[in-house]
Amino acid sequence: MDGGDLFGRSGDEGLEPGCAYFFALMPSGRAQRQIGERRESAIRALRPSRPSRVDDDRLHLSLCAPKALKRLRAPFEASLQRAGAEVRASAFALCLDDFGTFNGGFEQACLVLRSDATSDTHVQSLKDDIGTALFKHGFGWDGGTLAPHVTLFYADDIASPCGPDEVVEWHVDEFVLVRSHVGKHRHDIIGRWPLR
């Protein structure tokens, strides 16, 4: 048997140093353009000091990240990819209809687009399905309730604007696995799975 002991791998084989991993929804096409337009409109309206934009190719809605490692049956990234491949879920419509602010870490606030209640239910269900698959493949996961959102930009101080002029309507037909290079503003997509 491959691995560190009788029960499987110790957990760090195939783990890229300096990286974080998470499953996410990533907009493309019309949805990506609309989200980018809402970001630029909010920056013009709020005029924050030195905003740090989330580039269009890194816009995403986080779903689930692996937590405390248990024993894996394959190298780290391969175990995550196997978990993703097990998920069976339906495509759904996601509506982003309100702005919000969060503490984004590093003592900076961030402006986000939030989803409506119906979208929240679909996103939470997908997150729970991914979490169940992660557990089967040796990972822990956060079983809590999501507050689904897409981060638009970071700044030292942000006042939340009124809701966007137009709602972003996003047909979600896939989810992805992201390898994030911490502090380098770089995301690698290392897995994609369709929602049917």
Protein backbone atom coordinates (compact mmCIF):
# COMPACT_ATOMS: atom_id res chain seq x y z
CA MET A 1 0.00 0.00 0.00
CA ASP A 2 1.13 3.56 -0.78
CA GLY A 3 1.46 5.94 2.11
CA GLY A 4 2.79 6.65 5.54
CA ASP A 5 1.10 3.80 7.41
CA LEU A 6 -1.52 1.09 7.27
CA PHE A 7 -4.37 3.62 7.07
CA GLY A 8 -3.05 5.70 4.19
CA ARG A 9 -0.88 8.73 3.56
CA SER A 10 0.18 11.11 6.29
CA GLY A 11 -1.49 14.02 4.49
CA ASP A 12 1.22 16.27 3.08
CA GLU A 13 2.37 14.30 0.01
CA GLY A 14 1.50 16.36 -3.05
CA LEU A 15 0.76 19.50 -1.01
CA GLU A 16 2.25 22.58 -2.69
CA PRO A 17 4.07 24.73 -0.09
CA GLY A 18 2.78 28.29 0.32
CA CYS A 19 -0.59 27.38 -1.16
CA ALA A 20 -4.17 27.23 0.07
CA TYR A 21 -6.89 25.14 -1.56
CA PHE A 22 -10.61 25.70 -1.89
CA PHE A 23 -13.60 24.74 -4.00
CA ALA A 24 -15.39 27.66 -5.62
CA LEU A 25 -17.75 28.97 -8.25
CA MET A 26 -15.98 31.12 -10.83
CA PRO A 27 -17.95 33.37 -13.16
CA SER A 28 -17.20 33.54 -16.85
CA GLY A 29 -18.60 35.35 -19.86
CA ARG A 30 -21.55 37.64 -19.14
CA ALA A 31 -21.60 37.02 -15.37
CA GLN A 32 -17.90 37.85 -15.06
CA ARG A 33 -18.37 41.06 -17.08
CA GLN A 34 -21.37 42.10 -14.97
CA ILE A 35 -19.53 41.51 -11.69
CA GLY A 36 -16.54 43.50 -13.00
CA GLU A 37 -18.87 46.36 -13.95
CA ARG A 38 -20.41 46.39 -10.45
CA ARG A 39 -16.90 46.52 -8.96
CA GLU A 40 -15.89 49.50 -11.08
CA SER A 41 -19.21 51.28 -10.44
CA ALA A 42 -18.80 50.84 -6.68
CA ILE A 43 -15.22 52.14 -6.79
CA ARG A 44 -16.38 55.25 -8.67
CA ALA A 45 -19.24 55.82 -6.22
CA LEU A 46 -17.30 55.22 -3.00
CA ARG A 47 -13.87 56.57 -4.00
CA PRO A 48 -11.99 54.39 -1.50
CA SER A 49 -8.36 55.16 -0.77
CA ARG A 50 -6.09 52.86 -2.80
CA PRO A 51 -8.56 50.09 -3.64
CA SER A 52 -7.04 46.69 -4.36
CA ARG A 53 -9.24 45.12 -7.02
CA VAL A 54 -9.86 41.41 -7.33
CA ASP A 55 -8.91 40.87 -10.98
CA ASP A 56 -11.60 39.48 -13.28
CA ASP A 57 -9.81 36.12 -13.60
CA ARG A 58 -9.76 35.70 -9.79
CA LEU A 59 -13.39 36.65 -9.07
CA HIS A 60 -15.02 33.72 -7.29
CA LEU A 61 -17.55 32.57 -4.73
CA SER A 62 -15.86 30.32 -2.16
CA LEU A 63 -17.67 27.10 -1.30
CA CYS A 64 -15.55 24.85 0.86
CA ALA A 65 -11.94 24.36 1.94
CA PRO A 66 -10.34 21.21 3.35
CA LYS A 67 -9.76 21.48 7.08
CA ALA A 68 -7.77 19.34 9.54
CA LEU A 69 -6.18 16.49 7.64
CA LYS A 70 -6.95 12.92 8.51
CA ARG A 71 -5.47 10.00 6.58
CA LEU A 72 -5.55 10.35 2.80
CA ARG A 73 -5.71 7.49 0.31
CA ALA A 74 -3.85 9.47 -2.38
CA PRO A 75 -1.52 12.50 -2.52
CA PHE A 76 -3.04 15.75 -1.28
CA GLU A 77 -4.13 17.35 -4.56
CA ALA A 78 -5.21 14.02 -6.01
CA SER A 79 -7.37 13.40 -2.94
CA LEU A 80 -9.06 16.78 -3.42
CA GLN A 81 -9.64 16.05 -7.10
CA ARG A 82 -11.13 12.66 -6.31
CA ALA A 83 -13.50 14.29 -3.82
CA GLY A 84 -14.59 16.85 -6.41
CA ALA A 85 -15.23 14.14 -8.99
CA GLU A 86 -17.64 12.37 -6.60
CA VAL A 87 -20.02 15.33 -6.28
CA ARG A 88 -23.30 15.04 -8.19
CA ALA A 89 -25.39 18.21 -8.16
CA SER A 90 -27.66 20.20 -10.44
CA ALA A 91 -26.96 23.49 -12.20
CA PHE A 92 -28.76 26.47 -10.73
CA ALA A 93 -29.43 30.18 -11.13
CA LEU A 94 -27.49 32.42 -8.79
CA CYS A 95 -28.59 36.00 -8.19
CA LEU A 96 -26.19 38.61 -6.77
CA ASP A 97 -28.41 41.49 -5.68
CA ASP A 98 -26.80 43.40 -2.81
CA PHE A 99 -23.49 44.85 -1.61
CA GLY A 100 -21.96 44.10 1.76
CA THR A 101 -18.71 44.67 3.61
CA PHE A 102 -16.53 42.19 5.46
CA ASN A 103 -13.24 42.29 7.28
CA GLY A 104 -11.05 40.75 4.62
CA GLY A 105 -8.05 40.09 6.83
CA PHE A 106 -4.70 41.92 6.92
CA GLU A 107 -6.63 44.77 8.62
CA GLN A 108 -8.44 45.60 5.38
CA ALA A 109 -12.13 45.67 4.65
CA CYS A 110 -13.58 44.30 1.45
CA LEU A 111 -16.66 45.10 -0.59
CA VAL A 112 -18.64 42.07 -1.73
CA LEU A 113 -21.66 41.21 -3.81
CA ARG A 114 -24.09 39.01 -1.87
CA SER A 115 -26.52 36.45 -3.18
CA ASP A 116 -30.25 36.33 -2.51
CA ALA A 117 -31.96 33.80 -0.19
CA THR A 118 -32.93 31.35 -2.94
CA SER A 119 -29.36 31.32 -4.28
CA ASP A 120 -28.02 30.86 -0.74
CA THR A 121 -29.95 27.59 -0.44
CA HIS A 122 -28.47 26.20 -3.67
CA VAL A 123 -24.94 27.27 -2.74
CA GLN A 124 -25.21 25.77 0.75
CA SER A 125 -26.44 22.47 -0.66
CA LEU A 126 -23.49 22.27 -3.06
CA LYS A 127 -21.08 23.17 -0.25
CA ASP A 128 -22.52 20.37 1.92
CA ASP A 129 -22.17 17.86 -0.94
CA ILE A 130 -18.51 18.83 -1.39
CA GLY A 131 -17.93 18.58 2.36
CA THR A 132 -19.36 15.07 2.45
CA ALA A 133 -17.04 14.05 -0.40
CA LEU A 134 -14.05 15.63 1.36
CA PHE A 135 -14.80 13.64 4.50
CA LYS A 136 -14.92 10.39 2.51
CA HIS A 137 -11.45 11.14 1.14
CA GLY A 138 -9.81 11.83 4.48
CA PHE A 139 -10.32 15.56 5.02
CA GLY A 140 -12.09 17.50 7.68
CA TRP A 141 -14.34 20.38 6.60
CA ASP A 142 -16.33 23.27 8.02
CA GLY A 143 -19.96 22.21 8.18
CA GLY A 144 -21.21 25.70 9.05
CA THR A 145 -23.58 27.95 7.15
CA LEU A 146 -22.14 30.01 4.30
CA ALA A 147 -22.74 33.69 3.65
CA PRO A 148 -22.29 33.40 -0.14
CA HIS A 149 -20.53 36.38 -1.71
CA VAL A 150 -18.06 37.48 -4.38
CA THR A 151 -15.31 39.83 -3.16
CA LEU A 152 -14.84 42.85 -5.45
CA PHE A 153 -12.03 44.85 -3.86
CA TYR A 154 -10.15 45.59 -0.64
CA ALA A 155 -9.47 48.99 0.89
CA ASP A 156 -8.56 50.51 4.26
CA ASP A 157 -12.08 51.80 4.89
CA ILE A 158 -15.24 51.02 2.92
CA ALA A 159 -18.76 52.32 3.38
CA SER A 160 -21.30 49.93 1.92
CA PRO A 161 -23.12 51.56 -1.01
CA CYS A 162 -26.76 51.15 -1.92
CA GLY A 163 -27.57 47.96 -3.81
CA PRO A 164 -26.27 47.61 -7.37
CA ASP A 165 -28.25 49.27 -10.15
CA GLU A 166 -28.75 45.89 -11.81
CA VAL A 167 -28.83 42.40 -10.39
CA VAL A 168 -26.17 39.96 -11.60
CA GLU A 169 -27.83 36.78 -12.87
CA TRP A 170 -25.38 33.91 -13.13
CA HIS A 171 -26.17 30.44 -14.50
CA VAL A 172 -23.93 28.19 -12.42
CA ASP A 173 -23.06 25.04 -14.35
CA GLU A 174 -19.72 24.01 -12.84
CA PHE A 175 -17.57 24.26 -9.73
CA VAL A 176 -13.79 24.32 -9.55
CA LEU A 177 -10.86 23.45 -7.29
CA VAL A 178 -8.44 26.34 -6.80
CA ARG A 179 -4.80 26.28 -5.75
CA SER A 180 -4.16 29.76 -4.36
CA HIS A 181 -0.58 31.00 -4.06
CA VAL A 182 -0.84 32.90 -0.79
CA GLY A 183 0.14 36.56 -1.07
CA LYS A 184 0.91 36.36 -4.80
CA HIS A 185 -2.52 37.18 -6.32
CA ARG A 186 -2.41 33.96 -8.31
CA HIS A 187 -5.02 31.23 -8.61
CA ASP A 188 -4.51 27.97 -10.49
CA ILE A 189 -7.60 25.99 -11.45
CA ILE A 190 -6.63 22.35 -10.87
CA GLY A 191 -10.06 20.75 -11.28
CA ARG A 192 -13.41 21.48 -12.95
CA TRP A 193 -16.64 19.52 -12.57
CA PRO A 194 -19.95 20.10 -14.34
CA LEU A 195 -23.28 20.63 -12.60
CA ARG A 196 -26.14 19.02 -14.54
